[in-house]
N, C-alpha and C. Protein backbone atom coordinates (compact mmCIF):
# COMPACT_ATOMS: atom_id res chain seq x y z
N MET A 1 -2.64 21.19 2.81
CA MET A 1 -3.47 20.33 3.63
C MET A 1 -2.92 18.90 3.58
N SER A 2 -2.88 18.25 4.71
CA SER A 2 -2.36 16.88 4.76
C SER A 2 -3.42 15.87 4.32
N TYR A 3 -2.93 14.70 3.91
CA TYR A 3 -3.80 13.61 3.48
C TYR A 3 -4.22 12.78 4.69
N PHE A 4 -5.46 12.33 4.69
CA PHE A 4 -5.95 11.45 5.74
C PHE A 4 -5.41 10.04 5.50
N PRO A 5 -4.77 9.43 6.51
CA PRO A 5 -4.26 8.07 6.32
C PRO A 5 -5.40 7.05 6.37
N LEU A 6 -5.47 6.21 5.37
CA LEU A 6 -6.53 5.21 5.28
C LEU A 6 -5.91 3.90 4.84
N MET A 7 -6.12 2.85 5.60
CA MET A 7 -5.65 1.53 5.21
C MET A 7 -6.78 0.86 4.46
N ILE A 8 -6.51 0.37 3.27
CA ILE A 8 -7.55 -0.19 2.40
C ILE A 8 -7.19 -1.63 2.04
N GLN A 9 -8.18 -2.49 2.03
CA GLN A 9 -8.00 -3.91 1.69
C GLN A 9 -7.87 -4.04 0.17
N LEU A 10 -6.73 -4.56 -0.29
CA LEU A 10 -6.52 -4.75 -1.72
C LEU A 10 -6.46 -6.22 -2.14
N ASP A 11 -6.54 -7.13 -1.19
CA ASP A 11 -6.41 -8.55 -1.51
C ASP A 11 -7.44 -8.97 -2.56
N ARG A 12 -6.94 -9.40 -3.70
CA ARG A 12 -7.73 -9.87 -4.85
C ARG A 12 -8.64 -8.78 -5.44
N GLN A 13 -8.36 -7.53 -5.13
CA GLN A 13 -9.15 -6.42 -5.67
C GLN A 13 -8.54 -5.95 -6.99
N PRO A 14 -9.37 -5.58 -7.96
CA PRO A 14 -8.86 -5.14 -9.25
C PRO A 14 -8.26 -3.73 -9.20
N VAL A 15 -7.01 -3.63 -9.62
CA VAL A 15 -6.30 -2.35 -9.66
C VAL A 15 -5.73 -2.18 -11.07
N LEU A 16 -5.93 -1.00 -11.64
CA LEU A 16 -5.40 -0.70 -12.96
C LEU A 16 -4.15 0.14 -12.82
N LEU A 17 -3.09 -0.27 -13.52
CA LEU A 17 -1.85 0.48 -13.58
C LEU A 17 -1.63 0.88 -15.03
N VAL A 18 -1.63 2.18 -15.29
CA VAL A 18 -1.42 2.70 -16.65
C VAL A 18 0.02 3.17 -16.72
N GLY A 19 0.81 2.48 -17.51
CA GLY A 19 2.23 2.80 -17.65
C GLY A 19 3.06 1.55 -17.42
N GLY A 20 4.24 1.52 -18.05
CA GLY A 20 5.06 0.32 -17.95
C GLY A 20 6.53 0.58 -17.71
N GLY A 21 6.89 1.78 -17.28
CA GLY A 21 8.29 2.10 -17.02
C GLY A 21 8.76 1.62 -15.66
N ARG A 22 9.96 2.07 -15.28
CA ARG A 22 10.55 1.64 -14.00
C ARG A 22 9.72 2.09 -12.81
N THR A 23 9.17 3.30 -12.88
CA THR A 23 8.35 3.78 -11.77
C THR A 23 7.07 2.94 -11.67
N ALA A 24 6.48 2.62 -12.80
CA ALA A 24 5.28 1.77 -12.81
C ALA A 24 5.61 0.39 -12.23
N LEU A 25 6.77 -0.13 -12.57
CA LEU A 25 7.20 -1.42 -12.04
C LEU A 25 7.32 -1.36 -10.51
N HIS A 26 7.87 -0.28 -10.00
CA HIS A 26 7.99 -0.09 -8.55
C HIS A 26 6.59 -0.07 -7.90
N LYS A 27 5.66 0.66 -8.49
CA LYS A 27 4.29 0.73 -7.94
C LYS A 27 3.62 -0.64 -8.03
N ALA A 28 3.88 -1.36 -9.12
CA ALA A 28 3.30 -2.70 -9.28
C ALA A 28 3.75 -3.62 -8.15
N ARG A 29 5.02 -3.57 -7.83
CA ARG A 29 5.53 -4.43 -6.75
C ARG A 29 4.90 -4.09 -5.40
N ILE A 30 4.70 -2.81 -5.15
CA ILE A 30 4.05 -2.40 -3.90
C ILE A 30 2.62 -2.93 -3.85
N LEU A 31 1.87 -2.73 -4.92
CA LEU A 31 0.47 -3.16 -4.96
C LEU A 31 0.35 -4.68 -4.83
N LEU A 32 1.24 -5.40 -5.48
CA LEU A 32 1.21 -6.86 -5.40
C LEU A 32 1.54 -7.35 -3.99
N ALA A 33 2.39 -6.62 -3.27
CA ALA A 33 2.73 -7.00 -1.90
C ALA A 33 1.50 -6.94 -0.98
N PHE A 34 0.48 -6.20 -1.43
CA PHE A 34 -0.75 -6.10 -0.66
C PHE A 34 -1.89 -6.91 -1.29
N GLY A 35 -1.55 -7.77 -2.25
CA GLY A 35 -2.51 -8.72 -2.79
C GLY A 35 -3.38 -8.24 -3.93
N ALA A 36 -3.09 -7.08 -4.50
CA ALA A 36 -3.92 -6.55 -5.58
C ALA A 36 -3.92 -7.49 -6.79
N ARG A 37 -5.05 -7.52 -7.47
CA ARG A 37 -5.16 -8.21 -8.77
C ARG A 37 -4.90 -7.12 -9.81
N LEU A 38 -3.68 -7.11 -10.33
CA LEU A 38 -3.19 -5.98 -11.10
C LEU A 38 -3.31 -6.17 -12.60
N GLN A 39 -3.89 -5.16 -13.25
CA GLN A 39 -4.00 -5.08 -14.70
C GLN A 39 -3.09 -3.93 -15.15
N VAL A 40 -2.17 -4.21 -16.08
CA VAL A 40 -1.24 -3.20 -16.58
C VAL A 40 -1.56 -2.92 -18.04
N VAL A 41 -1.68 -1.62 -18.36
CA VAL A 41 -1.88 -1.18 -19.74
C VAL A 41 -0.72 -0.27 -20.10
N ALA A 42 0.11 -0.70 -21.07
CA ALA A 42 1.25 0.08 -21.52
C ALA A 42 1.76 -0.49 -22.84
N PRO A 43 2.18 0.38 -23.74
CA PRO A 43 2.71 -0.13 -25.01
C PRO A 43 4.08 -0.80 -24.85
N VAL A 44 4.86 -0.37 -23.86
CA VAL A 44 6.19 -0.92 -23.62
C VAL A 44 6.34 -1.18 -22.12
N LEU A 45 6.96 -2.29 -21.78
CA LEU A 45 7.13 -2.65 -20.37
C LEU A 45 8.61 -2.72 -20.00
N ALA A 46 8.94 -2.19 -18.84
CA ALA A 46 10.31 -2.27 -18.32
C ALA A 46 10.64 -3.73 -18.00
N PRO A 47 11.93 -4.08 -18.11
CA PRO A 47 12.33 -5.42 -17.69
C PRO A 47 11.93 -5.64 -16.23
N GLY A 48 11.38 -6.79 -15.94
CA GLY A 48 10.93 -7.11 -14.60
C GLY A 48 9.44 -7.37 -14.55
N PHE A 49 8.68 -6.72 -15.43
CA PHE A 49 7.24 -6.97 -15.45
C PHE A 49 6.93 -8.42 -15.79
N GLN A 50 7.76 -9.03 -16.64
CA GLN A 50 7.50 -10.41 -17.06
C GLN A 50 7.57 -11.38 -15.88
N ASP A 51 8.22 -10.98 -14.79
CA ASP A 51 8.35 -11.84 -13.61
C ASP A 51 7.22 -11.65 -12.61
N LEU A 52 6.32 -10.72 -12.88
CA LEU A 52 5.25 -10.41 -11.93
C LEU A 52 3.93 -11.08 -12.32
N PRO A 53 3.13 -11.45 -11.33
CA PRO A 53 1.82 -12.05 -11.61
C PRO A 53 0.77 -10.96 -11.92
N VAL A 54 0.92 -10.36 -13.10
CA VAL A 54 0.01 -9.30 -13.52
C VAL A 54 -0.57 -9.64 -14.89
N GLN A 55 -1.75 -9.09 -15.17
CA GLN A 55 -2.32 -9.18 -16.51
C GLN A 55 -1.81 -7.98 -17.28
N VAL A 56 -1.32 -8.20 -18.49
CA VAL A 56 -0.72 -7.12 -19.27
C VAL A 56 -1.45 -6.97 -20.59
N GLU A 57 -1.73 -5.72 -20.95
CA GLU A 57 -2.21 -5.39 -22.28
C GLU A 57 -1.20 -4.42 -22.86
N LYS A 58 -0.41 -4.89 -23.84
CA LYS A 58 0.63 -4.06 -24.44
C LYS A 58 0.01 -3.17 -25.52
N ARG A 59 -0.43 -2.01 -25.08
CA ARG A 59 -1.04 -1.03 -25.97
C ARG A 59 -1.17 0.28 -25.23
N LYS A 60 -1.58 1.31 -25.95
CA LYS A 60 -1.79 2.62 -25.33
C LYS A 60 -3.09 2.62 -24.54
N PHE A 61 -3.15 3.49 -23.55
CA PHE A 61 -4.35 3.69 -22.74
C PHE A 61 -5.48 4.25 -23.59
N VAL A 62 -6.70 3.73 -23.35
CA VAL A 62 -7.91 4.29 -23.96
C VAL A 62 -8.93 4.53 -22.84
N PRO A 63 -9.80 5.53 -22.99
CA PRO A 63 -10.77 5.85 -21.92
C PRO A 63 -11.61 4.66 -21.47
N ASP A 64 -11.90 3.73 -22.37
CA ASP A 64 -12.68 2.55 -21.99
C ASP A 64 -11.99 1.71 -20.91
N ASP A 65 -10.67 1.86 -20.77
CA ASP A 65 -9.96 1.11 -19.74
C ASP A 65 -10.50 1.44 -18.34
N ILE A 66 -10.97 2.66 -18.16
CA ILE A 66 -11.46 3.08 -16.85
C ILE A 66 -12.83 2.50 -16.55
N VAL A 67 -13.68 2.37 -17.56
CA VAL A 67 -15.06 1.95 -17.32
C VAL A 67 -15.30 0.45 -17.46
N ARG A 68 -14.33 -0.29 -17.98
CA ARG A 68 -14.58 -1.71 -18.26
C ARG A 68 -14.58 -2.61 -17.03
N GLU A 69 -14.15 -2.08 -15.89
CA GLU A 69 -14.15 -2.87 -14.66
C GLU A 69 -14.41 -1.93 -13.48
N SER A 70 -14.85 -2.49 -12.37
CA SER A 70 -15.04 -1.70 -11.15
C SER A 70 -13.71 -1.68 -10.40
N TRP A 71 -12.84 -0.77 -10.79
CA TRP A 71 -11.50 -0.71 -10.20
C TRP A 71 -11.56 -0.25 -8.75
N ARG A 72 -10.78 -0.89 -7.91
CA ARG A 72 -10.64 -0.45 -6.52
C ARG A 72 -9.84 0.85 -6.48
N MET A 73 -8.85 0.93 -7.39
CA MET A 73 -8.05 2.13 -7.56
C MET A 73 -7.32 2.07 -8.90
N VAL A 74 -6.82 3.23 -9.33
CA VAL A 74 -6.07 3.32 -10.58
C VAL A 74 -4.80 4.11 -10.30
N VAL A 75 -3.70 3.66 -10.91
CA VAL A 75 -2.42 4.36 -10.80
C VAL A 75 -1.96 4.71 -12.20
N ALA A 76 -1.66 5.98 -12.43
CA ALA A 76 -1.13 6.44 -13.72
C ALA A 76 0.34 6.75 -13.54
N ALA A 77 1.17 6.05 -14.31
CA ALA A 77 2.63 6.24 -14.23
C ALA A 77 3.21 6.19 -15.63
N THR A 78 2.66 7.03 -16.51
CA THR A 78 3.08 6.97 -17.92
C THR A 78 4.26 7.87 -18.23
N GLY A 79 4.46 8.90 -17.42
CA GLY A 79 5.50 9.87 -17.75
C GLY A 79 5.03 10.88 -18.79
N GLU A 80 3.79 10.76 -19.22
CA GLU A 80 3.22 11.70 -20.20
C GLU A 80 2.06 12.44 -19.53
N ARG A 81 2.26 13.72 -19.29
CA ARG A 81 1.29 14.50 -18.52
C ARG A 81 -0.11 14.45 -19.11
N LYS A 82 -0.26 14.56 -20.43
CA LYS A 82 -1.61 14.57 -21.03
C LYS A 82 -2.36 13.28 -20.75
N ILE A 83 -1.67 12.17 -20.86
CA ILE A 83 -2.31 10.87 -20.58
C ILE A 83 -2.66 10.78 -19.10
N ASN A 84 -1.70 11.15 -18.25
CA ASN A 84 -1.95 11.11 -16.81
C ASN A 84 -3.12 12.01 -16.41
N GLU A 85 -3.21 13.20 -17.01
CA GLU A 85 -4.34 14.10 -16.72
C GLU A 85 -5.66 13.46 -17.13
N ARG A 86 -5.65 12.81 -18.27
CA ARG A 86 -6.88 12.16 -18.76
C ARG A 86 -7.31 11.03 -17.84
N VAL A 87 -6.35 10.21 -17.45
CA VAL A 87 -6.65 9.11 -16.52
C VAL A 87 -7.23 9.69 -15.22
N SER A 88 -6.59 10.72 -14.70
CA SER A 88 -7.04 11.34 -13.45
C SER A 88 -8.46 11.88 -13.58
N ARG A 89 -8.71 12.62 -14.64
CA ARG A 89 -10.04 13.22 -14.83
C ARG A 89 -11.12 12.15 -14.94
N LEU A 90 -10.86 11.11 -15.73
CA LEU A 90 -11.84 10.03 -15.91
C LEU A 90 -12.12 9.32 -14.59
N CYS A 91 -11.08 9.07 -13.82
CA CYS A 91 -11.26 8.39 -12.53
C CYS A 91 -12.03 9.27 -11.56
N GLN A 92 -11.67 10.53 -11.49
CA GLN A 92 -12.33 11.42 -10.54
C GLN A 92 -13.80 11.62 -10.92
N GLU A 93 -14.12 11.64 -12.20
CA GLU A 93 -15.53 11.73 -12.63
C GLU A 93 -16.32 10.53 -12.13
N ARG A 94 -15.67 9.38 -12.05
CA ARG A 94 -16.34 8.13 -11.65
C ARG A 94 -16.09 7.78 -10.18
N LYS A 95 -15.48 8.69 -9.46
CA LYS A 95 -15.20 8.49 -8.02
C LYS A 95 -14.30 7.28 -7.75
N ILE A 96 -13.37 7.01 -8.67
CA ILE A 96 -12.39 5.94 -8.50
C ILE A 96 -11.12 6.57 -7.93
N PRO A 97 -10.62 6.07 -6.81
CA PRO A 97 -9.37 6.62 -6.28
C PRO A 97 -8.25 6.51 -7.32
N VAL A 98 -7.52 7.62 -7.51
CA VAL A 98 -6.48 7.64 -8.53
C VAL A 98 -5.21 8.28 -7.98
N ASN A 99 -4.10 7.67 -8.35
CA ASN A 99 -2.78 8.22 -8.02
C ASN A 99 -2.06 8.47 -9.34
N VAL A 100 -1.57 9.67 -9.50
CA VAL A 100 -0.72 10.01 -10.64
C VAL A 100 0.67 10.25 -10.08
N VAL A 101 1.59 9.39 -10.46
CA VAL A 101 2.93 9.42 -9.90
C VAL A 101 3.59 10.78 -10.10
N ASP A 102 4.15 11.30 -9.03
CA ASP A 102 4.88 12.58 -9.02
C ASP A 102 4.04 13.78 -9.44
N ASP A 103 2.72 13.70 -9.24
CA ASP A 103 1.86 14.84 -9.58
C ASP A 103 0.69 14.90 -8.60
N PRO A 104 0.94 15.32 -7.36
CA PRO A 104 -0.10 15.33 -6.33
C PRO A 104 -1.37 16.08 -6.73
N ALA A 105 -1.24 17.10 -7.57
CA ALA A 105 -2.42 17.87 -7.97
C ALA A 105 -3.43 17.02 -8.73
N LEU A 106 -2.98 15.94 -9.35
CA LEU A 106 -3.87 15.06 -10.11
C LEU A 106 -4.32 13.83 -9.31
N CYS A 107 -3.90 13.75 -8.06
CA CYS A 107 -4.18 12.56 -7.24
C CYS A 107 -5.37 12.76 -6.32
N SER A 108 -6.11 11.68 -6.11
CA SER A 108 -7.08 11.66 -5.02
C SER A 108 -6.50 10.89 -3.82
N PHE A 109 -5.38 10.19 -4.05
CA PHE A 109 -4.62 9.57 -2.96
C PHE A 109 -3.16 9.53 -3.38
N ILE A 110 -2.29 9.40 -2.40
CA ILE A 110 -0.86 9.30 -2.68
C ILE A 110 -0.30 8.04 -2.03
N PHE A 111 0.84 7.60 -2.53
CA PHE A 111 1.53 6.46 -1.95
C PHE A 111 2.46 6.97 -0.85
N PRO A 112 2.32 6.46 0.36
CA PRO A 112 3.26 6.84 1.41
C PRO A 112 4.53 6.00 1.30
N ALA A 113 5.54 6.40 2.06
CA ALA A 113 6.70 5.52 2.24
C ALA A 113 6.23 4.44 3.21
N LEU A 114 6.53 3.19 2.90
CA LEU A 114 5.98 2.08 3.67
C LEU A 114 7.04 1.24 4.36
N LEU A 115 6.70 0.83 5.57
CA LEU A 115 7.42 -0.22 6.28
C LEU A 115 6.42 -1.35 6.44
N LYS A 116 6.78 -2.56 6.03
CA LYS A 116 5.82 -3.67 6.09
C LYS A 116 6.53 -4.92 6.59
N ASP A 117 5.98 -5.50 7.63
CA ASP A 117 6.44 -6.79 8.14
C ASP A 117 5.18 -7.61 8.38
N ARG A 118 4.85 -8.45 7.39
CA ARG A 118 3.61 -9.22 7.39
C ARG A 118 2.43 -8.26 7.48
N GLU A 119 1.63 -8.34 8.55
CA GLU A 119 0.44 -7.49 8.68
C GLU A 119 0.71 -6.15 9.35
N VAL A 120 1.90 -5.97 9.89
CA VAL A 120 2.24 -4.69 10.51
C VAL A 120 2.72 -3.75 9.41
N VAL A 121 2.01 -2.64 9.25
CA VAL A 121 2.33 -1.68 8.20
C VAL A 121 2.42 -0.29 8.83
N CYS A 122 3.49 0.40 8.50
CA CYS A 122 3.67 1.78 8.95
C CYS A 122 3.82 2.63 7.69
N ALA A 123 3.06 3.70 7.62
CA ALA A 123 3.09 4.58 6.45
C ALA A 123 3.49 5.99 6.86
N VAL A 124 4.34 6.61 6.05
CA VAL A 124 4.80 7.96 6.31
C VAL A 124 4.53 8.80 5.06
N SER A 125 3.95 9.99 5.29
CA SER A 125 3.61 10.85 4.16
C SER A 125 4.07 12.28 4.41
N SER A 126 4.43 12.94 3.33
CA SER A 126 4.74 14.38 3.38
C SER A 126 3.69 15.14 2.58
N GLY A 127 2.56 14.49 2.32
CA GLY A 127 1.53 15.14 1.51
C GLY A 127 1.94 15.29 0.06
N GLY A 128 2.91 14.52 -0.37
CA GLY A 128 3.39 14.60 -1.75
C GLY A 128 4.42 15.70 -1.97
N ARG A 129 4.77 16.43 -0.94
CA ARG A 129 5.70 17.55 -1.08
C ARG A 129 7.16 17.12 -1.20
N SER A 130 7.55 16.13 -0.40
CA SER A 130 8.96 15.77 -0.38
C SER A 130 9.17 14.29 -0.09
N PRO A 131 9.31 13.48 -1.13
CA PRO A 131 9.61 12.06 -0.91
C PRO A 131 10.89 11.85 -0.09
N LEU A 132 11.84 12.78 -0.18
CA LEU A 132 13.06 12.64 0.62
C LEU A 132 12.78 12.74 2.12
N VAL A 133 11.84 13.60 2.49
CA VAL A 133 11.47 13.70 3.90
C VAL A 133 10.82 12.40 4.37
N THR A 134 9.92 11.85 3.55
CA THR A 134 9.27 10.59 3.96
C THR A 134 10.29 9.46 4.06
N GLN A 135 11.24 9.42 3.15
CA GLN A 135 12.27 8.37 3.22
C GLN A 135 13.15 8.54 4.46
N TYR A 136 13.45 9.79 4.80
CA TYR A 136 14.24 10.08 6.00
C TYR A 136 13.50 9.58 7.25
N VAL A 137 12.22 9.92 7.36
CA VAL A 137 11.42 9.49 8.52
C VAL A 137 11.31 7.97 8.55
N LYS A 138 11.09 7.37 7.40
CA LYS A 138 11.00 5.90 7.31
C LYS A 138 12.29 5.25 7.82
N THR A 139 13.43 5.78 7.41
CA THR A 139 14.72 5.24 7.84
C THR A 139 14.88 5.36 9.36
N LYS A 140 14.48 6.50 9.91
CA LYS A 140 14.58 6.69 11.36
C LYS A 140 13.68 5.70 12.11
N ILE A 141 12.49 5.47 11.59
CA ILE A 141 11.57 4.50 12.22
C ILE A 141 12.17 3.10 12.15
N GLN A 142 12.74 2.73 11.00
CA GLN A 142 13.35 1.41 10.86
C GLN A 142 14.47 1.20 11.88
N GLN A 143 15.21 2.25 12.17
CA GLN A 143 16.32 2.14 13.12
C GLN A 143 15.82 1.88 14.55
N VAL A 144 14.61 2.32 14.85
CA VAL A 144 14.07 2.21 16.21
C VAL A 144 13.29 0.91 16.40
N LEU A 145 12.54 0.49 15.40
CA LEU A 145 11.68 -0.68 15.55
C LEU A 145 12.47 -1.98 15.49
N PRO A 146 12.16 -2.92 16.37
CA PRO A 146 12.85 -4.21 16.30
C PRO A 146 12.39 -5.04 15.11
N VAL A 147 13.27 -5.85 14.60
CA VAL A 147 12.94 -6.77 13.52
C VAL A 147 12.04 -7.87 14.09
N GLY A 148 11.01 -8.27 13.36
CA GLY A 148 10.15 -9.35 13.81
C GLY A 148 8.80 -8.91 14.32
N LEU A 149 8.42 -7.67 14.04
CA LEU A 149 7.11 -7.19 14.51
C LEU A 149 5.96 -7.96 13.89
N GLY A 150 6.12 -8.43 12.66
CA GLY A 150 5.06 -9.20 12.01
C GLY A 150 4.77 -10.48 12.77
N SER A 151 5.81 -11.16 13.19
CA SER A 151 5.65 -12.39 13.97
C SER A 151 5.04 -12.08 15.34
N LEU A 152 5.51 -11.01 15.97
CA LEU A 152 4.96 -10.60 17.26
C LEU A 152 3.47 -10.32 17.13
N ASN A 153 3.09 -9.64 16.07
CA ASN A 153 1.69 -9.32 15.83
C ASN A 153 0.85 -10.59 15.68
N GLU A 154 1.37 -11.57 14.96
CA GLU A 154 0.63 -12.83 14.79
C GLU A 154 0.45 -13.53 16.14
N GLN A 155 1.51 -13.55 16.94
CA GLN A 155 1.41 -14.18 18.26
C GLN A 155 0.39 -13.47 19.14
N MET A 156 0.41 -12.14 19.09
CA MET A 156 -0.55 -11.36 19.88
C MET A 156 -1.98 -11.59 19.40
N GLY A 157 -2.15 -11.73 18.10
CA GLY A 157 -3.49 -11.99 17.56
C GLY A 157 -4.06 -13.30 18.06
N ILE A 158 -3.23 -14.34 18.08
CA ILE A 158 -3.66 -15.65 18.58
C ILE A 158 -3.98 -15.56 20.07
N TYR A 159 -3.09 -14.93 20.82
CA TYR A 159 -3.29 -14.80 22.26
C TYR A 159 -4.54 -13.98 22.56
N ARG A 160 -4.76 -12.94 21.79
CA ARG A 160 -5.94 -12.09 22.00
C ARG A 160 -7.23 -12.89 21.85
N GLN A 161 -7.29 -13.74 20.84
CA GLN A 161 -8.48 -14.58 20.64
C GLN A 161 -8.70 -15.51 21.83
N GLN A 162 -7.61 -16.10 22.34
CA GLN A 162 -7.71 -16.99 23.51
C GLN A 162 -8.23 -16.22 24.72
N VAL A 163 -7.66 -15.05 24.96
CA VAL A 163 -8.05 -14.25 26.13
C VAL A 163 -9.50 -13.80 26.01
N LYS A 164 -9.92 -13.40 24.80
CA LYS A 164 -11.32 -12.99 24.61
C LYS A 164 -12.28 -14.12 24.90
N ALA A 165 -11.88 -15.35 24.55
CA ALA A 165 -12.74 -16.51 24.77
C ALA A 165 -12.78 -16.92 26.25
N GLU A 166 -11.70 -16.66 26.98
CA GLU A 166 -11.59 -17.16 28.36
C GLU A 166 -11.87 -16.12 29.44
N GLU A 167 -11.68 -14.85 29.15
CA GLU A 167 -11.80 -13.81 30.18
C GLU A 167 -12.90 -12.81 29.82
N PRO A 168 -14.01 -12.82 30.57
CA PRO A 168 -15.12 -11.92 30.24
C PRO A 168 -14.89 -10.45 30.65
N ASP A 169 -14.02 -10.23 31.62
CA ASP A 169 -13.80 -8.87 32.13
C ASP A 169 -12.84 -8.11 31.19
N PRO A 170 -13.31 -7.02 30.54
CA PRO A 170 -12.46 -6.28 29.60
C PRO A 170 -11.21 -5.68 30.25
N ASN A 171 -11.29 -5.28 31.51
CA ASN A 171 -10.12 -4.72 32.19
C ASN A 171 -9.06 -5.79 32.43
N LYS A 172 -9.50 -6.98 32.82
CA LYS A 172 -8.55 -8.08 33.02
C LYS A 172 -7.94 -8.52 31.68
N ARG A 173 -8.79 -8.53 30.62
CA ARG A 173 -8.28 -8.87 29.28
C ARG A 173 -7.16 -7.90 28.88
N ARG A 174 -7.44 -6.63 29.09
CA ARG A 174 -6.45 -5.60 28.71
C ARG A 174 -5.14 -5.81 29.48
N THR A 175 -5.23 -6.09 30.76
CA THR A 175 -4.02 -6.32 31.57
C THR A 175 -3.26 -7.53 31.06
N LEU A 176 -3.96 -8.63 30.79
CA LEU A 176 -3.31 -9.84 30.26
C LEU A 176 -2.62 -9.56 28.93
N LEU A 177 -3.30 -8.82 28.07
CA LEU A 177 -2.72 -8.50 26.76
C LEU A 177 -1.49 -7.61 26.89
N GLN A 178 -1.55 -6.64 27.78
CA GLN A 178 -0.40 -5.75 27.99
C GLN A 178 0.80 -6.53 28.53
N GLU A 179 0.54 -7.46 29.44
CA GLU A 179 1.62 -8.28 30.00
C GLU A 179 2.24 -9.15 28.91
N LYS A 180 1.41 -9.76 28.09
CA LYS A 180 1.91 -10.62 27.00
C LYS A 180 2.73 -9.80 26.01
N LEU A 181 2.25 -8.61 25.68
CA LEU A 181 2.98 -7.76 24.75
C LEU A 181 4.35 -7.39 25.32
N ARG A 182 4.40 -7.00 26.58
CA ARG A 182 5.68 -6.68 27.22
C ARG A 182 6.64 -7.87 27.14
N GLU A 183 6.11 -9.06 27.43
CA GLU A 183 6.93 -10.28 27.39
C GLU A 183 7.48 -10.53 25.98
N LEU A 184 6.61 -10.41 24.97
CA LEU A 184 7.04 -10.67 23.60
C LEU A 184 8.03 -9.61 23.09
N VAL A 185 7.79 -8.35 23.44
CA VAL A 185 8.70 -7.28 23.03
C VAL A 185 10.05 -7.47 23.69
N GLU A 186 10.05 -7.85 24.96
CA GLU A 186 11.31 -8.08 25.66
C GLU A 186 12.10 -9.20 24.98
N ARG A 187 11.44 -10.28 24.63
CA ARG A 187 12.11 -11.38 23.91
C ARG A 187 12.65 -10.92 22.56
N LEU A 188 11.86 -10.12 21.88
CA LEU A 188 12.22 -9.64 20.54
C LEU A 188 13.44 -8.73 20.60
N THR A 189 13.48 -7.86 21.58
CA THR A 189 14.57 -6.89 21.66
C THR A 189 15.86 -7.49 22.23
N LYS A 190 15.79 -8.67 22.83
CA LYS A 190 16.99 -9.33 23.36
C LYS A 190 17.76 -10.05 22.26
N LYS A 191 17.12 -10.27 21.11
CA LYS A 191 17.78 -11.02 20.03
C LYS A 191 18.93 -10.24 19.44
């Protein structure tokens, strides 16, 4: 069964990351790119964590870590199945979304392959079956999409607000927005 795609607001939201290896570091960077307020619990941290704006507790995971805050989500990336299973079970008992890296059976959500340009985000998933397939699809999408979609999106957002304020007819608004989008895409693709 495939996963339902859901975009969730993480800006300044508390997220717990259990684990401190290279994979955990990769997940930390992704979460921080979306504004998460990240708490890391791990006895050892990979080089690179010291450069990130995260709160760190250098110690082993304990069950109280799950209940001490209202986590928006939890990510387990310890590399130790027993710990990851425990984190997953505790989160699922409390209805906290949990991702266990490389173990879809223990996840209530998975990380897709992401393309991000400011507010424009494209996510590709294989349901956790094949990260290589998601990376392949992501690469193909990158080859097709023009660079600068984030800027285009910002311009369209500003224009949309102007049109909404000035044009009461929804059909005329839609036509104006479509024309502006065509104009901006044409400029973008000529670069």
